[in-house]
Protein backbone atom coordinates (compact mmCIF):
# COMPACT_ATOMS: atom_id res chain seq x y z
CA MET A 1 102.42 99.72 98.36
CA CYS A 2 100.51 96.37 98.52
CA GLU A 3 102.12 94.83 95.42
CA ASP A 4 105.42 95.24 96.96
CA LEU A 5 104.83 94.67 100.38
CA ALA A 6 103.18 91.42 99.26
CA GLN A 7 106.45 89.89 97.83
CA ALA A 8 108.12 91.26 100.12
CA ALA A 9 106.63 90.36 103.83
CA LYS A 10 103.36 88.63 103.17
CA VAL A 11 102.63 87.75 106.53
CA HIS A 12 103.22 91.13 107.43
CA LEU A 13 100.22 92.15 104.86
CA LEU A 14 97.65 90.09 105.90
CA GLN A 15 98.66 90.93 109.56
CA SER A 16 98.10 94.71 108.19
CA VAL A 17 94.82 93.83 106.86
CA VAL A 18 93.17 92.00 109.20
CA SER A 19 93.87 94.14 112.12
CA GLY A 20 93.29 97.67 109.75
CA ILE A 21 89.31 95.87 109.62
CA LEU A 22 89.35 94.87 113.46
CA ALA A 23 90.14 98.23 114.15
CA GLN A 24 87.50 99.99 112.51
CA ARG A 25 84.46 97.61 112.22
CA ILE A 26 85.22 96.68 115.85
CA PHE A 27 87.38 99.40 117.57
CA GLY A 28 85.71 102.02 115.75
CA ALA A 29 81.83 101.48 117.11
CA TYR A 30 80.46 102.84 120.00
CA PHE A 31 79.91 99.48 121.20
CA VAL A 32 79.45 95.97 119.36
CA GLY A 33 76.53 94.52 119.53
CA LEU A 34 73.98 97.86 119.06
CA SER A 35 72.33 98.32 116.04
CA ALA A 36 73.18 100.69 113.14
CA GLU A 37 70.29 102.79 115.02
CA GLN A 38 71.13 102.40 118.75
CA GLU A 39 74.56 102.79 118.41
CA ASP A 40 73.60 106.39 116.62
CA GLN A 41 71.26 107.07 119.10
CA LEU A 42 73.70 106.50 121.49
CA ARG A 43 76.49 109.21 119.97
CA ARG A 44 73.80 112.06 119.43
CA THR A 45 72.69 111.57 122.94
CA GLU A 46 76.37 111.63 123.97
CA ARG A 47 77.17 114.66 122.00
CA LEU A 48 73.94 116.48 123.24
CA MET A 49 75.30 115.81 126.89
CA ALA A 50 78.39 117.11 125.71
CA SER A 51 76.80 120.43 125.23
CA PHE A 52 75.76 121.13 128.88
CA GLY A 53 77.82 118.84 131.25
CA SER A 54 81.35 118.54 131.61
CA VAL A 55 83.54 116.08 129.84
CA GLU A 56 84.03 114.38 133.25
CA SER A 57 80.67 113.96 133.54
CA VAL A 58 80.03 113.07 130.09
CA ASN A 59 82.67 110.59 130.28
CA GLN A 60 81.13 108.96 133.62
CA TRP A 61 77.76 108.62 131.82
CA ARG A 62 79.21 106.60 128.94
CA SER A 63 80.86 104.82 131.28
CA VAL A 64 77.84 103.67 133.49
CA THR A 65 75.70 103.64 130.44
CA LEU A 66 77.89 101.25 128.85
CA SER A 67 78.86 98.87 131.61
CA VAL A 68 74.97 97.92 132.10
CA LEU A 69 75.15 97.30 128.24
CA LYS A 70 77.87 94.92 129.24
CA LYS A 71 76.43 93.36 132.88
CA GLU A 72 72.76 93.02 131.50
CA ALA A 73 72.12 93.00 127.64
CA ALA A 74 74.66 90.38 126.56
CA GLU A 75 71.66 87.94 125.25
CA ARG A 76 69.68 91.16 123.67
CA MET A 77 73.15 91.70 121.74
CA GLU A 78 74.34 88.44 120.57
CA ALA A 79 72.38 88.13 117.70
CA GLN A 80 73.74 91.69 116.25
CA THR A 81 77.03 90.66 117.51
CA THR A 82 77.29 87.27 115.79
CA GLN A 83 76.10 89.05 112.58
CA THR A 84 78.45 91.58 113.15
CA THR A 85 81.59 88.58 113.48
CA GLU A 86 80.39 87.16 110.39
CA ASP A 87 80.22 90.42 108.45
CA ILE A 88 83.84 90.86 109.53
CA ILE A 89 85.30 87.54 108.21
CA ARG A 90 83.68 87.58 104.77
CA LEU A 91 85.03 90.74 104.39
CA VAL A 92 88.38 89.38 105.54
CA ASN A 93 88.14 86.16 103.10
CA ARG A 94 87.72 88.69 100.65
CA ILE A 95 90.21 90.90 100.94
CA LEU A 96 92.88 88.39 101.44
CA GLY A 97 91.49 86.03 98.53
CA ALA A 98 92.04 89.07 96.11
CA ILE A 99 95.66 89.93 97.53
CA THR A 100 97.28 86.50 97.57
CA THR A 101 98.31 84.94 94.91
CA ASP A 102 96.82 81.70 95.94
CA ALA A 103 93.77 82.68 95.59
CA ALA A 104 92.91 81.30 92.09
CA ALA A 105 94.89 78.27 92.92
CA ALA A 106 92.40 78.08 96.29
CA SER A 107 89.25 78.18 93.76
CA SER A 108 90.54 75.72 92.00
CA SER A 109 91.27 73.11 94.80
CA ARG A 110 87.26 73.76 96.15
CA THR A 111 85.70 72.46 93.50
CA THR A 112 87.99 69.60 92.30
CA ASN A 113 89.25 68.70 96.04
CA GLY A 114 86.55 70.13 98.14
CA SER A 115 87.49 66.91 101.29
CA THR A 116 90.54 69.00 102.10
CA THR A 117 89.77 72.10 101.16
CA ILE A 118 86.63 72.54 102.64
CA PRO A 119 87.93 71.49 106.37
CA ALA A 120 90.86 73.87 106.06
CA ALA A 121 88.33 76.48 104.79
CA GLU A 122 86.32 76.25 107.93
CA ALA A 123 89.40 76.50 110.35
CA ARG A 124 90.55 79.35 109.29
CA ASP A 125 87.51 81.36 109.36
CA GLN A 126 86.90 79.02 113.40
CA ALA A 127 90.29 80.73 114.38
CA LEU A 128 89.02 84.29 112.78
CA ARG A 129 86.39 83.51 114.52
CA GLN A 130 88.19 83.33 118.11
CA LEU A 131 90.33 86.59 117.12
CA ILE A 132 87.07 88.77 116.47
CA SER A 133 85.77 87.79 119.82
CA SER A 134 88.40 88.41 121.74
CA ALA A 135 88.92 92.13 119.83
CA ILE A 136 85.05 92.21 121.10
CA GLU A 137 85.60 91.82 124.33
CA LEU A 138 88.52 93.75 124.16
CA SER A 139 86.59 96.67 122.99
CA ARG A 140 84.03 96.34 125.47
CA LEU A 141 86.44 96.09 128.12
CA LEU A 142 87.89 99.92 126.78
CA VAL A 143 84.77 101.63 126.56
CA VAL A 144 83.43 101.60 129.87
CA GLN A 145 86.01 102.86 131.16
CA ARG A 146 85.90 106.57 132.30
CA ALA A 147 88.90 107.19 130.70
CA VAL A 148 89.16 107.98 126.91
CA LEU A 149 90.56 104.59 125.53
CA GLU A 150 91.61 104.45 122.14
CA VAL A 151 93.00 101.86 119.61
CA TRP A 152 94.74 104.18 117.69
CA THR A 153 96.24 103.04 113.45
CA PRO A 154 98.77 105.26 112.18
CA GLY A 155 97.36 105.88 108.69
CA ILE A 156 98.87 105.15 105.73
CA VAL A 157 97.82 106.45 102.12
CA PRO A 158 99.42 106.35 98.67
CA TYR A 159 101.88 109.23 97.91
CA GLN A 160 102.22 110.24 101.47
CA GLN A 161 104.88 109.19 103.65
CA THR A 162 104.38 108.12 107.79
CA MET A 163 107.45 108.09 109.49
CA PHE A 164 108.67 106.21 112.11
CA ASP A 165 107.47 107.85 115.61
CA GLN A 166 109.40 106.20 118.72
CA ALA A 167 106.81 107.42 121.19
CA THR A 168 104.07 105.88 119.69
CA MET A 169 105.03 102.85 117.35
CA GLU A 170 107.59 99.78 117.62
CA ASP A 171 108.93 98.26 114.80
CA ILE A 172 109.14 94.77 113.75
CA GLY A 173 111.75 94.83 111.90
CA GLY A 174 114.26 93.85 114.57
CA GLU A 175 116.33 97.28 113.63
CA ASP A 176 117.90 99.74 116.22
CA GLU A 177 115.12 102.37 117.17
CA GLU A 178 117.60 104.96 116.36
CA SER A 179 118.31 103.88 113.21
CA LEU A 180 114.80 104.28 112.07
CA VAL A 181 114.33 107.99 113.12
CA GLN A 182 113.19 109.70 109.91
CA ARG A 183 112.46 106.69 108.12
CA GLU A 184 108.68 105.52 106.75
CA ILE A 185 107.01 102.61 107.84
CA CYS A 186 104.96 100.31 105.08
CA CYS A 187 102.33 98.84 107.09
CA VAL A 188 100.52 98.91 110.49
CA THR A 189 100.61 94.89 111.48
CA PHE A 190 98.97 95.61 115.59
CA PRO A 191 97.11 98.83 116.74
CA GLY A 192 98.26 100.62 119.62
CA ILE A 193 96.56 101.58 122.49
CA ILE A 194 96.15 105.45 123.90
CA LYS A 195 94.69 106.36 126.69
CA ARG A 196 93.43 110.17 127.57
CA GLY A 197 92.39 111.73 130.44
CA ASP A 198 92.41 110.50 134.27
CA GLU A 199 90.55 107.60 136.11
CA ASN A 200 87.55 110.04 136.58
CA GLY A 201 87.39 110.67 133.09
CA ALA A 202 88.58 114.55 133.40
CA GLN A 203 91.95 115.50 132.17
CA LEU A 204 91.35 114.75 128.62
CA GLN A 205 94.76 117.02 127.68
CA PHE A 206 97.03 113.95 129.88
CA ARG A 207 98.04 111.35 127.16
CA ASN A 208 99.79 108.37 127.77
CA VAL A 209 100.40 105.32 125.09
CA ILE A 210 99.19 102.38 126.93
CA SER A 211 100.60 99.79 124.05
CA LYS A 212 102.86 101.48 120.86
CA ALA A 213 101.26 100.20 117.26
CA ARG A 214 103.30 97.88 115.85
CA VAL A 215 105.00 99.08 112.13
CA LEU A 216 107.25 97.47 109.83
CA CYS A 217 109.44 99.94 108.65
CA ARG A 218 110.89 100.26 105.22
CA PRO A 219 114.19 99.03 104.59
CA GLU A 220 117.31 102.07 103.88
């Protein structure tokens, strides 16, 4: 699947890779800046509280707790946040280097003409760093809400079709959405945001699509 997409829509493939990593490593975290042990402790505490209290009270506890971290613990979480950022940059560069046809040429140029390639690499990493920083700020803003706000990415796996869903997806190919019914998607270039519950953290059966996932459908 990646090979076909790399030939037909390389930019979309690269967007898909980056957005997938951000969805997993940033929006999938409990709160960016916590260590793995701290995150696990808070997750276990939330599960414990859920065994005693209502969904509404647990979501309110989560909102208050993470609001304290967001407002008062930013400096103490700075080292871990920086480490997370640099880890993601290395991961993105490693994956993109493996799937782009220019990887070998770029490696050769770096050894023979470092004056041109090193600044380019630094500029790319700086752009990534800014993107990751914005994603971290957004993730923190989402998790302090009482409602459950999920960054959602349609799953795409080999040998299994994922079909276009007009209610939760937006096609970036420019085709009429009515013609995309029962059309398979080939990549996700940007995740969507789904809200569950009300402003008090209750009524989780209510589900609203805040932002549709941006996808590219396979041509007919």
